[in-house]
C-alpha atoms as a PDB file:
ATOM      1  CA  MET A   1       9.849 -22.890   5.303  1.00  0.00           C
ATOM      2  CA  HIS A   2       9.038 -19.185   5.839  1.00  0.00           C
ATOM      3  CA  ILE A   3       8.903 -17.280   9.096  1.00  0.00           C
ATOM      4  CA  GLN A   4       6.018 -14.835   9.422  1.00  0.00           C
ATOM      5  CA  PHE A   5       6.730 -12.019  11.863  1.00  0.00           C
ATOM      6  CA  GLU A   6       4.490  -9.093  12.725  1.00  0.00           C
ATOM      7  CA  PHE A   7       5.460  -6.534  15.354  1.00  0.00           C
ATOM      8  CA  ASP A   8       3.488  -3.554  16.662  1.00  0.00           C
ATOM      9  CA  LEU A   9       6.110  -0.874  17.204  1.00  0.00           C
ATOM     10  CA  LYS A  10       3.750   1.422  19.121  1.00  0.00           C
ATOM     11  CA  SER A  11       2.735  -1.148  21.734  1.00  0.00           C
ATOM     12  CA  ARG A  12       6.034  -3.048  21.506  1.00  0.00           C
ATOM     13  CA  GLN A  13       4.118  -6.312  21.187  1.00  0.00           C
ATOM     14  CA  ILE A  14       4.628  -9.200  18.806  1.00  0.00           C
ATOM     15  CA  ASN A  15       1.352  -9.661  16.916  1.00  0.00           C
ATOM     16  CA  ASP A  16       2.338 -12.785  15.052  1.00  0.00           C
ATOM     17  CA  ILE A  17       5.310 -15.106  14.781  1.00  0.00           C
ATOM     18  CA  ASN A  18       5.030 -18.503  13.160  1.00  0.00           C
ATOM     19  CA  SER A  19       6.569 -20.739  10.550  1.00  0.00           C
ATOM     20  CA  THR A  20       4.671 -21.555   7.394  1.00  0.00           C
ATOM     21  CA  SER A  21       5.209 -23.657   4.305  1.00  0.00           C
ATOM     22  CA  ALA A  22       7.410 -22.033   1.676  1.00  0.00           C
ATOM     23  CA  LEU A  23       4.509 -22.650  -0.742  1.00  0.00           C
ATOM     24  CA  ARG A  24       2.113 -20.490   1.280  1.00  0.00           C
ATOM     25  CA  GLN A  25       1.748 -16.945  -0.039  1.00  0.00           C
ATOM     26  CA  ASP A  26       2.408 -13.944   2.227  1.00  0.00           C
ATOM     27  CA  GLN A  27      -0.985 -12.593   1.142  1.00  0.00           C
ATOM     28  CA  THR A  28      -2.694 -15.360   3.104  1.00  0.00           C
ATOM     29  CA  ASP A  29      -0.937 -14.362   6.323  1.00  0.00           C
ATOM     30  CA  ALA A  30      -1.642 -10.669   5.710  1.00  0.00           C
ATOM     31  CA  VAL A  31      -5.381 -11.336   5.424  1.00  0.00           C
ATOM     32  CA  GLU A  32      -5.407 -13.574   8.515  1.00  0.00           C
ATOM     33  CA  THR A  33      -3.742 -10.925  10.719  1.00  0.00           C
ATOM     34  CA  MET A  34      -5.907  -7.958   9.626  1.00  0.00           C
ATOM     35  CA  GLU A  35      -7.930  -8.015  12.875  1.00  0.00           C
ATOM     36  CA  ARG A  36      -4.793  -6.992  14.784  1.00  0.00           C
ATOM     37  CA  ILE A  37      -4.442  -3.708  12.896  1.00  0.00           C
ATOM     38  CA  THR A  38      -5.795  -0.727  14.839  1.00  0.00           C
ATOM     39  CA  PRO A  39      -6.336   2.928  13.850  1.00  0.00           C
ATOM     40  CA  GLY A  40      -3.024   4.730  13.552  1.00  0.00           C
ATOM     41  CA  SER A  41      -1.036   1.502  13.012  1.00  0.00           C
ATOM     42  CA  LEU A  42       1.796   1.504  10.494  1.00  0.00           C
ATOM     43  CA  VAL A  43       2.031  -1.741   8.524  1.00  0.00           C
ATOM     44  CA  ILE A  44       5.342  -2.457   6.801  1.00  0.00           C
ATOM     45  CA  ARG A  45       5.126  -5.481   4.544  1.00  0.00           C
ATOM     46  CA  ASP A  46       7.766  -7.564   2.844  1.00  0.00           C
ATOM     47  CA  LEU A  47       9.101  -5.444   0.016  1.00  0.00           C
ATOM     48  CA  GLY A  48       8.096  -8.051  -2.553  1.00  0.00           C
ATOM     49  CA  TYR A  49       4.516  -8.224  -1.289  1.00  0.00           C
ATOM     50  CA  PHE A  50       1.613  -6.177  -2.644  1.00  0.00           C
ATOM     51  CA  SER A  51      -2.181  -6.554  -2.567  1.00  0.00           C
ATOM     52  CA  THR A  52      -4.536  -3.652  -3.262  1.00  0.00           C
ATOM     53  CA  VAL A  53      -7.305  -5.523  -1.390  1.00  0.00           C
ATOM     54  CA  VAL A  54      -5.219  -5.663   1.806  1.00  0.00           C
ATOM     55  CA  LEU A  55      -4.107  -2.035   1.366  1.00  0.00           C
ATOM     56  CA  GLU A  56      -7.764  -1.002   1.085  1.00  0.00           C
ATOM     57  CA  GLN A  57      -8.566  -2.887   4.313  1.00  0.00           C
ATOM     58  CA  ILE A  58      -5.647  -1.190   6.085  1.00  0.00           C
ATOM     59  CA  ASN A  59      -6.870   2.202   4.849  1.00  0.00           C
ATOM     60  CA  ASN A  60     -10.438   1.418   6.008  1.00  0.00           C
ATOM     61  CA  LYS A  61      -9.059   0.790   9.510  1.00  0.00           C
ATOM     62  CA  HIS A  62      -7.517   4.310   9.454  1.00  0.00           C
ATOM     63  CA  ALA A  63      -4.046   2.797   9.538  1.00  0.00           C
ATOM     64  CA  PHE A  64      -1.026   3.386   7.310  1.00  0.00           C
ATOM     65  CA  PHE A  65       1.223   1.173   5.189  1.00  0.00           C
ATOM     66  CA  ILE A  66       4.626   1.114   3.531  1.00  0.00           C
ATOM     67  CA  THR A  67       5.245  -1.280   0.665  1.00  0.00           C
ATOM     68  CA  ARG A  68       7.111  -1.424  -2.617  1.00  0.00           C
ATOM     69  CA  LEU A  69       4.902  -0.823  -5.615  1.00  0.00           C
ATOM     70  CA  SER A  70       4.384  -3.893  -7.746  1.00  0.00           C
ATOM     71  CA  PRO A  71       5.105  -3.296 -11.442  1.00  0.00           C
ATOM     72  CA  CYS A  72       1.766  -4.916 -12.378  1.00  0.00           C
ATOM     73  CA  VAL A  73      -0.273  -2.292 -10.472  1.00  0.00           C
ATOM     74  CA  HIS A  74      -1.396   0.751 -12.413  1.00  0.00           C
ATOM     75  CA  VAL A  75      -1.042   4.045 -10.596  1.00  0.00           C
ATOM     76  CA  TYR A  76      -3.132   7.072 -11.475  1.00  0.00           C
ATOM     77  CA  GLU A  77      -2.890  10.760 -10.718  1.00  0.00           C
ATOM     78  CA  LEU A  78      -5.968  12.982 -10.520  1.00  0.00           C
ATOM     79  CA  ARG A  79      -5.390  15.938 -12.851  1.00  0.00           C
ATOM     80  CA  LEU A  80      -8.092  18.422 -13.752  1.00  0.00           C
ATOM     81  CA  GLY A  81     -10.812  16.036 -12.570  1.00  0.00           C
ATOM     82  CA  GLN A  82      -9.528  13.150 -14.722  1.00  0.00           C
ATOM     83  CA  TYR A  83      -7.575  10.047 -13.673  1.00  0.00           C
ATOM     84  CA  GLN A  84      -4.410   9.801 -15.735  1.00  0.00           C
ATOM     85  CA  LEU A  85      -2.073   6.822 -15.784  1.00  0.00           C
ATOM     86  CA  LEU A  86       1.211   7.750 -14.154  1.00  0.00           C
ATOM     87  CA  ASP A  87       4.293   6.944 -16.219  1.00  0.00           C
ATOM     88  CA  ILE A  88       6.777   6.191 -13.436  1.00  0.00           C
ATOM     89  CA  ASN A  89       9.612   5.420 -15.879  1.00  0.00           C
ATOM     90  CA  SER A  90       9.232   8.835 -17.488  1.00  0.00           C
ATOM     91  CA  ILE A  91       9.201  10.531 -14.076  1.00  0.00           C
ATOM     92  CA  TYR A  92      12.275   8.562 -13.021  1.00  0.00           C
ATOM     93  CA  LYS A  93      14.178   9.600 -16.180  1.00  0.00           C
ATOM     94  CA  LYS A  94      13.348  13.277 -15.573  1.00  0.00           C
ATOM     95  CA  MET A  95      14.467  12.964 -11.960  1.00  0.00           C
ATOM     96  CA  LYS A  96      17.762  11.460 -13.084  1.00  0.00           C
ATOM     97  CA  GLN A  97      18.349  14.183 -15.710  1.00  0.00           C
ATOM     98  CA  ARG A  98      17.545  16.975 -13.240  1.00  0.00           C
ATOM     99  CA  GLN A  99      19.345  15.231 -10.355  1.00  0.00           C
ATOM    100  CA  ILE A 100      16.237  15.132  -8.159  1.00  0.00           C
ATOM    101  CA  PRO A 101      16.889  12.435  -5.519  1.00  0.00           C
ATOM    102  CA  GLN A 102      13.267  11.978  -4.376  1.00  0.00           C
ATOM    103  CA  MET A 103       9.768  13.007  -5.384  1.00  0.00           C
ATOM    104  CA  GLU A 104       6.481  12.689  -3.487  1.00  0.00           C
ATOM    105  CA  LEU A 105       3.096  12.397  -5.201  1.00  0.00           C
ATOM    106  CA  CYS A 106      -0.485  11.708  -4.142  1.00  0.00           C
ATOM    107  CA  VAL A 107      -1.725   8.923  -6.416  1.00  0.00           C
ATOM    108  CA  PHE A 108      -4.369   6.228  -6.650  1.00  0.00           C
ATOM    109  CA  ALA A 109      -3.222   2.589  -6.479  1.00  0.00           C
ATOM    110  CA  GLY A 110      -6.295   0.526  -7.139  1.00  0.00           C
ATOM    111  CA  SER A 111      -9.038   2.645  -5.545  1.00  0.00           C
ATOM    112  CA  GLU A 112      -6.859   3.879  -2.673  1.00  0.00           C
ATOM    113  CA  LEU A 113      -5.376   7.364  -2.424  1.00  0.00           C
ATOM    114  CA  CYS A 114      -1.736   6.907  -1.468  1.00  0.00           C
ATOM    115  CA  LYS A 115       1.276   9.066  -0.913  1.00  0.00           C
ATOM    116  CA  THR A 116       3.938   7.685  -3.238  1.00  0.00           C
ATOM    117  CA  ILE A 117       7.633   8.362  -2.902  1.00  0.00           C
ATOM    118  CA  ILE A 118       9.753   7.838  -5.983  1.00  0.00           C
ATOM    119  CA  ARG A 119      13.412   7.636  -5.105  1.00  0.00           C
ATOM    120  CA  GLN A 120      16.504   7.166  -7.212  1.00  0.00           C
ATOM    121  CA  ARG A 121      18.530   4.120  -6.269  1.00  0.00           C
ATOM    122  CA  ARG A 122      22.141   4.820  -5.419  1.00  0.00           C
ATOM    123  CA  GLN A 123      25.086   2.883  -6.756  1.00  0.00           C
ATOM    124  CA  SER A 124      26.950   1.136  -3.974  1.00  0.00           C
ATOM    125  CA  ALA A 125      30.726   0.812  -3.810  1.00  0.00           C
ATOM    126  CA  PHE A 126      30.383  -2.646  -5.386  1.00  0.00           C
ATOM    127  CA  GLY A 127      28.436  -1.437  -8.411  1.00  0.00           C
ATOM    128  CA  LYS A 128      25.126  -2.955  -7.287  1.00  0.00           C
ATOM    129  CA  LYS A 129      22.051  -0.807  -6.858  1.00  0.00           C
ATOM    130  CA  GLU A 130      20.881  -0.342  -3.277  1.00  0.00           C
END
């Protein structure tokens, strides 16, 4: 069993709370609750969840989102009028070498222009990455 929970921080209202089968994908719930998103909303999804279709719908509603980038999604940067595939691993290595903790870029994920934040993960006291 999974618990689906959606909260509107601005209005301080619960938009959705229900239990679903563990076999049901989070994407299904995200699509079903799209009508509750209003302009200016900030949608924070499960960090393992990602759908460019849903992100496009959120963007079309003039709302915002925070999610972790799925490794299967290609991200492009517009340079000199050309879309170029962004090599996040290469950027991360340079950040580590130059000790840059965080970098912000405007990129395209799917067809959506997004602000992307690349951040180095810190080592915790137990040796696990945070």
